[in-house]
Amino acid sequence: MLVILGLFTSFLSILYLTAPSIRKFFAGGVCTTNVQIPGKVVVITGANTGIGKETARELARRGARVYIACRDVLKGESAASEIRADTKNSQVLVRKLDLSDTKSIRAFAEGFLAEEKKLHILINNAGVMMSPYSKTADGFETHLGVNHLGHFLLTYLLLGRLKESAPARVVNLSSVAHLGGKIRFHDLQGEKRYCRGFAYCHSKLANVLFTRELAKRLQGTGVTAYVVHPGIVMSEIVRHSFLLCLLWRLFSPFFKSTRQGAQTSLHCALAEGLEPLSGKYFSDCKRTWVSPRARDKKTAERLWNVSCELLGIQWE
């Protein structure tokens, strides 16, 4: 037992001593475009921390007027202050947005539309992972409600402004976890059977299907949509799982930093000539493979219609 413990300790020591080299190896793609976007308006959900915060930082550095849309306004203001100081861009703003409450989503959209006449980039970045079973203010299972339906409604409410500002882009964050997902129409709210790991996977599949159908419906409008896997990133999204928090700490050298995790979002928001790839799934700043379920046209259409019914909207 002591020998095994000693070997394990030695392994961890080597792992952490070589962490910089390991992390560089696993860093993945980099957004290489030098495009500057002064005067462009960007909304990023959940940009008070993690990948969203680093995405906001880089877009602010390139001159954009950036709205950090988040539930925790105090944390958002702290992030905005840091970004403003770092980028010398004073146009980093914070607005309240709780994706688990459609009233909050509508209030955010109403306030934004009254404040801004343009919207060039919408990045649906926020999300929850491995949350114990719970429901949103509107009675939706939390993963479905926050990760999919919340962003579905937000995009619907802001789409008119995006079209008016075309060319414009929508970037949705998904995950490689969509491979384990399935749209269980008979039990979307997880009331019959619930596994928080699979609930996350199902919601990430919904993100991919939503992007696919959105891109199809936006053809000819000048608005394009992309869905990204940021990689396995050291972020706060695993906070609901003690086991994942432990694993994240143990294997942190193999994971991307939040800055590295933001690269594919930035690529899809900024890269020139990406319009023909609207609706596609990206990882490490390039188009990549998705599961057969994520390519199912009928499921995408049905999910769209069911989402509209659940939210009480008509989106043709």
C-alpha atoms as a PDB file:
ATOM      1  CA  MET A   1       0.000   0.000   0.000  1.00  0.00           C
ATOM      2  CA  LEU A   2       2.844   2.380   0.883  1.00  0.00           C
ATOM      3  CA  VAL A   3       4.548   1.540  -2.406  1.00  0.00           C
ATOM      4  CA  ILE A   4       1.374   2.351  -4.369  1.00  0.00           C
ATOM      5  CA  LEU A   5       0.926   5.598  -2.438  1.00  0.00           C
ATOM      6  CA  GLY A   6       4.543   6.514  -3.103  1.00  0.00           C
ATOM      7  CA  LEU A   7       4.209   5.825  -6.821  1.00  0.00           C
ATOM      8  CA  PHE A   8       0.998   7.851  -6.992  1.00  0.00           C
ATOM      9  CA  THR A   9       2.647  10.769  -5.175  1.00  0.00           C
ATOM     10  CA  SER A  10       5.605  10.620  -7.552  1.00  0.00           C
ATOM     11  CA  PHE A  11       3.225  10.587 -10.516  1.00  0.00           C
ATOM     12  CA  LEU A  12       1.432  13.676  -9.239  1.00  0.00           C
ATOM     13  CA  SER A  13       4.738  15.442  -8.619  1.00  0.00           C
ATOM     14  CA  ILE A  14       5.904  14.776 -12.174  1.00  0.00           C
ATOM     15  CA  LEU A  15       2.491  15.784 -13.505  1.00  0.00           C
ATOM     16  CA  TYR A  16       2.540  19.181 -11.839  1.00  0.00           C
ATOM     17  CA  LEU A  17       6.213  19.844 -12.586  1.00  0.00           C
ATOM     18  CA  THR A  18       5.526  19.314 -16.281  1.00  0.00           C
ATOM     19  CA  ALA A  19       2.121  21.062 -16.183  1.00  0.00           C
ATOM     20  CA  PRO A  20       3.079  24.030 -18.423  1.00  0.00           C
ATOM     21  CA  SER A  21       4.340  21.727 -21.189  1.00  0.00           C
ATOM     22  CA  ILE A  22       1.343  19.412 -20.865  1.00  0.00           C
ATOM     23  CA  ARG A  23      -1.144  22.275 -20.971  1.00  0.00           C
ATOM     24  CA  LYS A  24       0.558  23.713 -24.060  1.00  0.00           C
ATOM     25  CA  PHE A  25       0.197  20.308 -25.759  1.00  0.00           C
ATOM     26  CA  PHE A  26      -3.528  20.157 -24.952  1.00  0.00           C
ATOM     27  CA  ALA A  27      -4.170  23.857 -25.651  1.00  0.00           C
ATOM     28  CA  GLY A  28      -5.866  23.236 -28.987  1.00  0.00           C
ATOM     29  CA  GLY A  29      -6.629  25.775 -31.695  1.00  0.00           C
ATOM     30  CA  VAL A  30      -6.021  29.502 -31.540  1.00  0.00           C
ATOM     31  CA  CYS A  31      -8.097  32.295 -33.059  1.00  0.00           C
ATOM     32  CA  THR A  32      -5.615  33.768 -35.518  1.00  0.00           C
ATOM     33  CA  THR A  33      -7.652  36.542 -37.086  1.00  0.00           C
ATOM     34  CA  ASN A  34      -6.472  40.103 -36.490  1.00  0.00           C
ATOM     35  CA  VAL A  35      -9.910  41.605 -37.141  1.00  0.00           C
ATOM     36  CA  GLN A  36     -10.658  44.721 -35.082  1.00  0.00           C
ATOM     37  CA  ILE A  37     -14.295  45.524 -34.298  1.00  0.00           C
ATOM     38  CA  PRO A  38     -14.558  49.110 -33.032  1.00  0.00           C
ATOM     39  CA  GLY A  39     -18.189  50.232 -32.891  1.00  0.00           C
ATOM     40  CA  LYS A  40     -19.539  46.678 -32.921  1.00  0.00           C
ATOM     41  CA  VAL A  41     -21.973  45.674 -30.177  1.00  0.00           C
ATOM     42  CA  VAL A  42     -21.649  42.310 -28.466  1.00  0.00           C
ATOM     43  CA  VAL A  43     -23.785  40.496 -25.884  1.00  0.00           C
ATOM     44  CA  ILE A  44     -22.217  37.584 -23.986  1.00  0.00           C
ATOM     45  CA  THR A  45     -24.183  35.589 -21.435  1.00  0.00           C
ATOM     46  CA  GLY A  46     -22.360  34.386 -18.343  1.00  0.00           C
ATOM     47  CA  ALA A  47     -19.354  36.584 -19.073  1.00  0.00           C
ATOM     48  CA  ASN A  48     -18.726  37.382 -15.417  1.00  0.00           C
ATOM     49  CA  THR A  49     -16.458  34.338 -15.137  1.00  0.00           C
ATOM     50  CA  GLY A  50     -14.645  31.593 -17.023  1.00  0.00           C
ATOM     51  CA  ILE A  51     -14.694  31.286 -20.799  1.00  0.00           C
ATOM     52  CA  GLY A  52     -17.240  34.069 -21.180  1.00  0.00           C
ATOM     53  CA  LYS A  53     -15.089  36.514 -19.247  1.00  0.00           C
ATOM     54  CA  GLU A  54     -12.048  35.777 -21.416  1.00  0.00           C
ATOM     55  CA  THR A  55     -14.182  36.083 -24.554  1.00  0.00           C
ATOM     56  CA  ALA A  56     -15.434  39.460 -23.347  1.00  0.00           C
ATOM     57  CA  ARG A  57     -11.891  40.560 -22.571  1.00  0.00           C
ATOM     58  CA  GLU A  58     -10.619  39.795 -26.066  1.00  0.00           C
ATOM     59  CA  LEU A  59     -13.594  41.375 -27.843  1.00  0.00           C
ATOM     60  CA  ALA A  60     -13.219  44.492 -25.679  1.00  0.00           C
ATOM     61  CA  ARG A  61      -9.522  44.548 -26.566  1.00  0.00           C
ATOM     62  CA  ARG A  62     -10.535  44.617 -30.218  1.00  0.00           C
ATOM     63  CA  GLY A  63     -12.722  47.662 -29.654  1.00  0.00           C
ATOM     64  CA  ALA A  64     -16.226  46.241 -29.228  1.00  0.00           C
ATOM     65  CA  ARG A  65     -18.912  47.583 -26.939  1.00  0.00           C
ATOM     66  CA  VAL A  66     -19.462  44.515 -24.762  1.00  0.00           C
ATOM     67  CA  TYR A  67     -22.473  43.674 -22.626  1.00  0.00           C
ATOM     68  CA  ILE A  68     -21.840  41.165 -19.859  1.00  0.00           C
ATOM     69  CA  ALA A  69     -25.255  39.567 -19.284  1.00  0.00           C
ATOM     70  CA  CYS A  70     -25.227  37.610 -16.045  1.00  0.00           C
ATOM     71  CA  ARG A  71     -27.210  36.664 -12.958  1.00  0.00           C
ATOM     72  CA  ASP A  72     -24.642  37.872 -10.415  1.00  0.00           C
ATOM     73  CA  VAL A  73     -24.374  41.591 -11.139  1.00  0.00           C
ATOM     74  CA  LEU A  74     -21.753  42.239  -8.436  1.00  0.00           C
ATOM     75  CA  LYS A  75     -19.507  39.565  -9.892  1.00  0.00           C
ATOM     76  CA  GLY A  76     -20.234  40.965 -13.336  1.00  0.00           C
ATOM     77  CA  GLU A  77     -19.203  44.470 -12.276  1.00  0.00           C
ATOM     78  CA  SER A  78     -15.978  43.092 -10.827  1.00  0.00           C
ATOM     79  CA  ALA A  79     -15.210  41.318 -14.109  1.00  0.00           C
ATOM     80  CA  ALA A  80     -16.119  44.394 -16.156  1.00  0.00           C
ATOM     81  CA  SER A  81     -13.886  46.614 -14.040  1.00  0.00           C
ATOM     82  CA  GLU A  82     -10.990  44.220 -14.536  1.00  0.00           C
ATOM     83  CA  ILE A  83     -11.583  44.049 -18.299  1.00  0.00           C
ATOM     84  CA  ARG A  84     -11.878  47.827 -18.637  1.00  0.00           C
ATOM     85  CA  ALA A  85      -8.584  48.297 -16.810  1.00  0.00           C
ATOM     86  CA  ASP A  86      -6.874  45.581 -18.840  1.00  0.00           C
ATOM     87  CA  THR A  87      -8.096  46.661 -22.292  1.00  0.00           C
ATOM     88  CA  LYS A  88      -8.444  50.427 -21.758  1.00  0.00           C
ATOM     89  CA  ASN A  89     -11.935  50.056 -23.237  1.00  0.00           C
ATOM     90  CA  SER A  90     -14.554  51.804 -21.119  1.00  0.00           C
ATOM     91  CA  GLN A  91     -17.405  50.272 -23.128  1.00  0.00           C
ATOM     92  CA  VAL A  92     -17.784  47.110 -21.046  1.00  0.00           C
ATOM     93  CA  LEU A  93     -21.217  47.079 -19.460  1.00  0.00           C
ATOM     94  CA  VAL A  94     -23.077  44.759 -17.106  1.00  0.00           C
ATOM     95  CA  ARG A  95     -26.767  43.929 -17.231  1.00  0.00           C
ATOM     96  CA  LYS A  96     -28.848  41.556 -15.146  1.00  0.00           C
ATOM     97  CA  LEU A  97     -29.872  38.307 -16.862  1.00  0.00           C
ATOM     98  CA  ASP A  98     -31.140  35.179 -15.156  1.00  0.00           C
ATOM     99  CA  LEU A  99     -31.569  32.459 -17.767  1.00  0.00           C
ATOM    100  CA  SER A 100     -33.608  30.350 -15.345  1.00  0.00           C
ATOM    101  CA  ASP A 101     -36.419  32.931 -15.382  1.00  0.00           C
ATOM    102  CA  THR A 102     -38.150  33.976 -18.608  1.00  0.00           C
ATOM    103  CA  LYS A 103     -39.296  37.218 -16.948  1.00  0.00           C
ATOM    104  CA  SER A 104     -35.648  38.155 -16.398  1.00  0.00           C
ATOM    105  CA  ILE A 105     -34.786  37.228 -19.988  1.00  0.00           C
ATOM    106  CA  ARG A 106     -37.589  39.390 -21.328  1.00  0.00           C
ATOM    107  CA  ALA A 107     -36.624  42.261 -19.017  1.00  0.00           C
ATOM    108  CA  PHE A 108     -33.012  42.081 -20.204  1.00  0.00           C
ATOM    109  CA  ALA A 109     -34.040  42.046 -23.863  1.00  0.00           C
ATOM    110  CA  GLU A 110     -36.466  44.938 -23.386  1.00  0.00           C
ATOM    111  CA  GLY A 111     -33.801  47.023 -21.661  1.00  0.00           C
ATOM    112  CA  PHE A 112     -31.121  46.199 -24.214  1.00  0.00           C
ATOM    113  CA  LEU A 113     -33.336  46.985 -27.199  1.00  0.00           C
ATOM    114  CA  ALA A 114     -34.239  50.338 -25.658  1.00  0.00           C
ATOM    115  CA  GLU A 115     -30.568  51.087 -25.063  1.00  0.00           C
ATOM    116  CA  GLU A 116     -28.922  49.826 -28.251  1.00  0.00           C
ATOM    117  CA  LYS A 117     -29.829  50.257 -31.898  1.00  0.00           C
ATOM    118  CA  LYS A 118     -27.360  47.619 -33.076  1.00  0.00           C
ATOM    119  CA  LEU A 119     -26.298  44.084 -32.142  1.00  0.00           C
ATOM    120  CA  HIS A 120     -23.585  42.417 -34.180  1.00  0.00           C
ATOM    121  CA  ILE A 121     -22.569  39.407 -32.087  1.00  0.00           C
ATOM    122  CA  LEU A 122     -24.607  37.353 -29.616  1.00  0.00           C
ATOM    123  CA  ILE A 123     -22.645  34.712 -27.723  1.00  0.00           C
ATOM    124  CA  ASN A 124     -24.823  32.302 -25.754  1.00  0.00           C
ATOM    125  CA  ASN A 125     -22.090  31.221 -23.376  1.00  0.00           C
ATOM    126  CA  ALA A 126     -23.695  30.686 -19.946  1.00  0.00           C
ATOM    127  CA  GLY A 127     -24.647  27.266 -18.694  1.00  0.00           C
ATOM    128  CA  VAL A 128     -25.100  24.870 -15.797  1.00  0.00           C
ATOM    129  CA  MET A 129     -23.631  21.392 -15.442  1.00  0.00           C
ATOM    130  CA  MET A 130     -24.366  18.413 -13.187  1.00  0.00           C
ATOM    131  CA  SER A 131     -27.003  20.296 -11.235  1.00  0.00           C
ATOM    132  CA  PRO A 132     -29.105  18.237  -8.794  1.00  0.00           C
ATOM    133  CA  TYR A 133     -32.690  17.894  -9.974  1.00  0.00           C
ATOM    134  CA  SER A 134     -34.471  21.218  -9.814  1.00  0.00           C
ATOM    135  CA  LYS A 135     -36.763  23.355 -11.918  1.00  0.00           C
ATOM    136  CA  THR A 136     -36.526  26.903 -13.191  1.00  0.00           C
ATOM    137  CA  ALA A 137     -38.974  29.658 -12.256  1.00  0.00           C
ATOM    138  CA  ASP A 138     -41.081  28.537 -15.223  1.00  0.00           C
ATOM    139  CA  GLY A 139     -41.099  24.844 -14.311  1.00  0.00           C
ATOM    140  CA  PHE A 140     -38.438  23.620 -16.747  1.00  0.00           C
ATOM    141  CA  GLU A 141     -35.781  21.108 -15.709  1.00  0.00           C
ATOM    142  CA  THR A 142     -32.756  23.292 -14.946  1.00  0.00           C
ATOM    143  CA  HIS A 143     -30.320  22.035 -17.611  1.00  0.00           C
ATOM    144  CA  LEU A 144     -32.962  22.224 -20.329  1.00  0.00           C
ATOM    145  CA  GLY A 145     -34.299  25.539 -19.059  1.00  0.00           C
ATOM    146  CA  VAL A 146     -30.985  27.372 -18.681  1.00  0.00           C
ATOM    147  CA  ASN A 147     -28.750  25.801 -21.316  1.00  0.00           C
ATOM    148  CA  HIS A 148     -31.321  25.512 -24.084  1.00  0.00           C
ATOM    149  CA  LEU A 149     -34.664  27.243 -23.531  1.00  0.00           C
ATOM    150  CA  GLY A 150     -33.186  30.351 -21.892  1.00  0.00           C
ATOM    151  CA  HIS A 151     -30.860  30.992 -24.814  1.00  0.00           C
ATOM    152  CA  PHE A 152     -33.543  30.001 -27.316  1.00  0.00           C
ATOM    153  CA  LEU A 153     -35.823  32.727 -25.928  1.00  0.00           C
ATOM    154  CA  LEU A 154     -33.019  35.295 -25.673  1.00  0.00           C
ATOM    155  CA  THR A 155     -32.033  34.736 -29.300  1.00  0.00           C
ATOM    156  CA  TYR A 156     -35.666  35.031 -30.383  1.00  0.00           C
ATOM    157  CA  LEU A 157     -36.075  38.344 -28.566  1.00  0.00           C
ATOM    158  CA  LEU A 158     -32.846  39.836 -29.967  1.00  0.00           C
ATOM    159  CA  LEU A 159     -33.055  38.435 -33.483  1.00  0.00           C
ATOM    160  CA  GLY A 160     -34.733  41.495 -34.977  1.00  0.00           C
ATOM    161  CA  ARG A 161     -31.829  43.681 -33.864  1.00  0.00           C
ATOM    162  CA  LEU A 162     -29.314  41.175 -35.212  1.00  0.00           C
ATOM    163  CA  LYS A 163     -31.024  41.219 -38.600  1.00  0.00           C
ATOM    164  CA  GLU A 164     -31.050  45.027 -38.626  1.00  0.00           C
ATOM    165  CA  SER A 165     -27.314  44.993 -37.885  1.00  0.00           C
ATOM    166  CA  ALA A 166     -26.330  42.352 -40.456  1.00  0.00           C
ATOM    167  CA  PRO A 167     -23.833  40.967 -41.078  1.00  0.00           C
ATOM    168  CA  ALA A 168     -24.243  39.554 -37.588  1.00  0.00           C
ATOM    169  CA  ARG A 169     -23.480  36.303 -35.801  1.00  0.00           C
ATOM    170  CA  VAL A 170     -24.876  34.028 -33.098  1.00  0.00           C
ATOM    171  CA  VAL A 171     -22.415  31.727 -31.328  1.00  0.00           C
ATOM    172  CA  ASN A 172     -23.822  28.963 -29.117  1.00  0.00           C
ATOM    173  CA  LEU A 173     -21.633  27.044 -26.683  1.00  0.00           C
ATOM    174  CA  SER A 174     -22.210  23.311 -26.606  1.00  0.00           C
ATOM    175  CA  SER A 175     -19.855  20.495 -25.642  1.00  0.00           C
ATOM    176  CA  VAL A 176     -18.437  17.192 -26.806  1.00  0.00           C
ATOM    177  CA  ALA A 177     -20.844  15.864 -24.157  1.00  0.00           C
ATOM    178  CA  HIS A 178     -23.572  16.190 -26.785  1.00  0.00           C
ATOM    179  CA  LEU A 179     -22.355  12.782 -27.992  1.00  0.00           C
ATOM    180  CA  GLY A 180     -24.064  11.244 -24.955  1.00  0.00           C
ATOM    181  CA  GLY A 181     -27.238  13.257 -25.396  1.00  0.00           C
ATOM    182  CA  LYS A 182     -30.681  12.340 -26.615  1.00  0.00           C
ATOM    183  CA  ILE A 183     -33.796  14.487 -26.947  1.00  0.00           C
ATOM    184  CA  ARG A 184     -36.284  12.551 -24.849  1.00  0.00           C
ATOM    185  CA  PHE A 185     -39.498  14.203 -26.006  1.00  0.00           C
ATOM    186  CA  HIS A 186     -41.575  11.923 -23.783  1.00  0.00           C
ATOM    187  CA  ASP A 187     -39.716  13.182 -20.695  1.00  0.00           C
ATOM    188  CA  LEU A 188     -38.070  16.520 -21.498  1.00  0.00           C
ATOM    189  CA  GLN A 189     -38.372  17.710 -17.899  1.00  0.00           C
ATOM    190  CA  GLY A 190     -36.749  14.578 -16.463  1.00  0.00           C
ATOM    191  CA  GLU A 191     -39.739  13.821 -14.239  1.00  0.00           C
ATOM    192  CA  LYS A 192     -39.833  10.103 -15.051  1.00  0.00           C
ATOM    193  CA  ARG A 193     -36.102   9.478 -14.918  1.00  0.00           C
ATOM    194  CA  TYR A 194     -33.289  11.868 -14.058  1.00  0.00           C
ATOM    195  CA  CYS A 195     -29.517  11.609 -14.210  1.00  0.00           C
ATOM    196  CA  ARG A 196     -27.785  14.953 -13.865  1.00  0.00           C
ATOM    197  CA  GLY A 197     -24.859  13.859 -16.052  1.00  0.00           C
ATOM    198  CA  PHE A 198     -27.132  12.848 -18.907  1.00  0.00           C
ATOM    199  CA  ALA A 199     -29.343  15.909 -18.352  1.00  0.00           C
ATOM    200  CA  TYR A 200     -26.303  18.032 -19.201  1.00  0.00           C
ATOM    201  CA  CYS A 201     -25.569  15.904 -22.279  1.00  0.00           C
ATOM    202  CA  HIS A 202     -29.177  16.230 -23.479  1.00  0.00           C
ATOM    203  CA  SER A 203     -29.048  20.032 -23.135  1.00  0.00           C
ATOM    204  CA  LYS A 204     -25.779  20.210 -25.077  1.00  0.00           C
ATOM    205  CA  LEU A 205     -27.312  18.173 -27.889  1.00  0.00           C
ATOM    206  CA  ALA A 206     -30.208  20.638 -27.865  1.00  0.00           C
ATOM    207  CA  ASN A 207     -27.684  23.470 -28.378  1.00  0.00           C
ATOM    208  CA  VAL A 208     -26.322  21.785 -31.506  1.00  0.00           C
ATOM    209  CA  LEU A 209     -29.777  21.053 -32.919  1.00  0.00           C
ATOM    210  CA  PHE A 210     -30.961  24.596 -32.176  1.00  0.00           C
ATOM    211  CA  THR A 211     -27.980  26.059 -34.035  1.00  0.00           C
ATOM    212  CA  ARG A 212     -28.559  23.806 -37.019  1.00  0.00           C
ATOM    213  CA  GLU A 213     -32.224  24.773 -37.310  1.00  0.00           C
ATOM    214  CA  LEU A 214     -31.532  28.450 -36.591  1.00  0.00           C
ATOM    215  CA  ALA A 215     -28.971  28.640 -39.386  1.00  0.00           C
ATOM    216  CA  LYS A 216     -31.437  27.060 -41.808  1.00  0.00           C
ATOM    217  CA  ARG A 217     -34.140  29.580 -40.941  1.00  0.00           C
ATOM    218  CA  LEU A 218     -31.733  32.526 -41.137  1.00  0.00           C
ATOM    219  CA  GLN A 219     -30.561  31.862 -44.683  1.00  0.00           C
ATOM    220  CA  GLY A 220     -30.545  35.072 -46.694  1.00  0.00           C
ATOM    221  CA  THR A 221     -30.850  37.380 -43.667  1.00  0.00           C
ATOM    222  CA  GLY A 222     -27.147  38.162 -43.203  1.00  0.00           C
ATOM    223  CA  VAL A 223     -27.211  36.557 -39.758  1.00  0.00           C
ATOM    224  CA  THR A 224     -25.231  33.338 -39.323  1.00  0.00           C
ATOM    225  CA  ALA A 225     -25.013  30.890 -36.423  1.00  0.00           C
ATOM    226  CA  TYR A 226     -22.292  28.584 -35.122  1.00  0.00           C
ATOM    227  CA  VAL A 227     -22.015  26.099 -32.263  1.00  0.00           C
ATOM    228  CA  VAL A 228     -18.771  25.354 -30.455  1.00  0.00           C
ATOM    229  CA  HIS A 229     -17.109  22.885 -28.131  1.00  0.00           C
ATOM    230  CA  PRO A 230     -14.636  24.973 -26.104  1.00  0.00           C
ATOM    231  CA  GLY A 231     -12.657  21.968 -24.902  1.00  0.00           C
ATOM    232  CA  ILE A 232     -12.266  20.644 -21.375  1.00  0.00           C
ATOM    233  CA  VAL A 233     -11.643  23.841 -19.467  1.00  0.00           C
ATOM    234  CA  MET A 234     -10.689  24.750 -15.920  1.00  0.00           C
ATOM    235  CA  SER A 235     -13.810  26.702 -14.994  1.00  0.00           C
ATOM    236  CA  GLU A 236     -16.524  26.984 -12.351  1.00  0.00           C
ATOM    237  CA  ILE A 237     -19.119  25.052 -14.357  1.00  0.00           C
ATOM    238  CA  VAL A 238     -18.379  21.820 -12.437  1.00  0.00           C
ATOM    239  CA  ARG A 239     -19.207  23.420  -9.076  1.00  0.00           C
ATOM    240  CA  HIS A 240     -22.307  21.236  -8.575  1.00  0.00           C
ATOM    241  CA  SER A 241     -20.297  17.990  -8.579  1.00  0.00           C
ATOM    242  CA  PHE A 242     -17.788  17.260  -5.807  1.00  0.00           C
ATOM    243  CA  LEU A 243     -16.334  14.379  -7.845  1.00  0.00           C
ATOM    244  CA  LEU A 244     -15.811  16.526 -10.934  1.00  0.00           C
ATOM    245  CA  CYS A 245     -14.285  19.317  -8.841  1.00  0.00           C
ATOM    246  CA  LEU A 246     -11.820  16.764  -7.462  1.00  0.00           C
ATOM    247  CA  LEU A 247     -11.025  15.346 -10.907  1.00  0.00           C
ATOM    248  CA  TRP A 248     -10.677  18.843 -12.366  1.00  0.00           C
ATOM    249  CA  ARG A 249      -8.086  19.691  -9.715  1.00  0.00           C
ATOM    250  CA  LEU A 250      -6.243  16.404 -10.076  1.00  0.00           C
ATOM    251  CA  PHE A 251      -6.012  16.496 -13.864  1.00  0.00           C
ATOM    252  CA  SER A 252      -5.866  20.259 -14.316  1.00  0.00           C
ATOM    253  CA  PRO A 253      -2.591  20.093 -16.328  1.00  0.00           C
ATOM    254  CA  PHE A 254      -4.494  18.306 -19.084  1.00  0.00           C
ATOM    255  CA  PHE A 255      -7.251  20.920 -19.273  1.00  0.00           C
ATOM    256  CA  LYS A 256      -7.390  24.197 -21.114  1.00  0.00           C
ATOM    257  CA  SER A 257      -7.187  27.511 -19.345  1.00  0.00           C
ATOM    258  CA  THR A 258     -10.225  29.753 -19.705  1.00  0.00           C
ATOM    259  CA  ARG A 259      -8.292  31.868 -22.198  1.00  0.00           C
ATOM    260  CA  GLN A 260      -7.567  28.802 -24.317  1.00  0.00           C
ATOM    261  CA  GLY A 261     -11.171  27.692 -23.955  1.00  0.00           C
ATOM    262  CA  ALA A 262     -12.380  31.003 -25.375  1.00  0.00           C
ATOM    263  CA  GLN A 263     -10.492  30.623 -28.657  1.00  0.00           C
ATOM    264  CA  THR A 264     -13.145  28.742 -30.632  1.00  0.00           C
ATOM    265  CA  SER A 265     -15.883  31.153 -29.537  1.00  0.00           C
ATOM    266  CA  LEU A 266     -13.663  34.014 -30.706  1.00  0.00           C
ATOM    267  CA  HIS A 267     -12.944  32.250 -33.983  1.00  0.00           C
ATOM    268  CA  CYS A 268     -16.643  31.822 -34.743  1.00  0.00           C
ATOM    269  CA  ALA A 269     -17.397  35.401 -33.711  1.00  0.00           C
ATOM    270  CA  LEU A 270     -14.575  37.011 -35.693  1.00  0.00           C
ATOM    271  CA  ALA A 271     -13.082  34.862 -38.449  1.00  0.00           C
ATOM    272  CA  GLU A 272     -13.633  36.155 -41.958  1.00  0.00           C
ATOM    273  CA  GLY A 273     -15.282  34.019 -44.613  1.00  0.00           C
ATOM    274  CA  LEU A 274     -17.098  31.754 -42.177  1.00  0.00           C
ATOM    275  CA  GLU A 275     -20.578  32.426 -43.548  1.00  0.00           C
ATOM    276  CA  PRO A 276     -20.806  29.261 -45.724  1.00  0.00           C
ATOM    277  CA  LEU A 277     -20.341  27.210 -42.539  1.00  0.00           C
ATOM    278  CA  SER A 278     -23.350  28.637 -40.747  1.00  0.00           C
ATOM    279  CA  GLY A 279     -25.010  25.984 -38.595  1.00  0.00           C
ATOM    280  CA  LYS A 280     -21.844  23.923 -38.215  1.00  0.00           C
ATOM    281  CA  TYR A 281     -20.107  22.639 -35.089  1.00  0.00           C
ATOM    282  CA  PHE A 282     -16.589  23.837 -34.255  1.00  0.00           C
ATOM    283  CA  SER A 283     -13.855  22.629 -31.939  1.00  0.00           C
ATOM    284  CA  ASP A 284     -10.278  23.932 -31.719  1.00  0.00           C
ATOM    285  CA  CYS A 285     -11.160  26.676 -34.208  1.00  0.00           C
ATOM    286  CA  LYS A 286     -12.176  24.326 -36.997  1.00  0.00           C
ATOM    287  CA  ARG A 287     -15.297  22.550 -38.138  1.00  0.00           C
ATOM    288  CA  THR A 288     -15.543  19.093 -36.671  1.00  0.00           C
ATOM    289  CA  TRP A 289     -17.694  15.957 -36.457  1.00  0.00           C
ATOM    290  CA  VAL A 290     -21.003  15.771 -34.586  1.00  0.00           C
ATOM    291  CA  SER A 291     -23.030  12.773 -33.494  1.00  0.00           C
ATOM    292  CA  PRO A 292     -25.692  11.292 -35.813  1.00  0.00           C
ATOM    293  CA  ARG A 293     -28.377  12.556 -33.406  1.00  0.00           C
ATOM    294  CA  ALA A 294     -27.020  16.080 -33.832  1.00  0.00           C
ATOM    295  CA  ARG A 295     -27.530  15.791 -37.603  1.00  0.00           C
ATOM    296  CA  ASP A 296     -31.150  14.637 -37.400  1.00  0.00           C
ATOM    297  CA  LYS A 297     -33.245  17.210 -39.283  1.00  0.00           C
ATOM    298  CA  LYS A 298     -36.582  15.942 -38.008  1.00  0.00           C
ATOM    299  CA  THR A 299     -35.440  16.040 -34.390  1.00  0.00           C
ATOM    300  CA  ALA A 300     -34.119  19.586 -34.883  1.00  0.00           C
ATOM    301  CA  GLU A 301     -37.433  20.741 -36.343  1.00  0.00           C
ATOM    302  CA  ARG A 302     -39.462  19.030 -33.641  1.00  0.00           C
ATOM    303  CA  LEU A 303     -37.277  20.442 -30.864  1.00  0.00           C
ATOM    304  CA  TRP A 304     -37.736  23.908 -32.359  1.00  0.00           C
ATOM    305  CA  ASN A 305     -41.515  23.568 -32.371  1.00  0.00           C
ATOM    306  CA  VAL A 306     -41.667  22.078 -28.869  1.00  0.00           C
ATOM    307  CA  SER A 307     -39.394  24.844 -27.550  1.00  0.00           C
ATOM    308  CA  CYS A 308     -41.714  27.472 -29.000  1.00  0.00           C
ATOM    309  CA  GLU A 309     -44.712  25.778 -27.376  1.00  0.00           C
ATOM    310  CA  LEU A 310     -42.998  25.598 -23.981  1.00  0.00           C
ATOM    311  CA  LEU A 311     -42.032  29.272 -24.152  1.00  0.00           C
ATOM    312  CA  GLY A 312     -45.340  30.440 -25.589  1.00  0.00           C
ATOM    313  CA  ILE A 313     -43.822  32.080 -28.662  1.00  0.00           C
ATOM    314  CA  GLN A 314     -44.355  31.882 -32.410  1.00  0.00           C
ATOM    315  CA  TRP A 315     -41.088  31.754 -34.314  1.00  0.00           C
ATOM    316  CA  GLU A 316     -41.516  30.906 -37.968  1.00  0.00           C
END
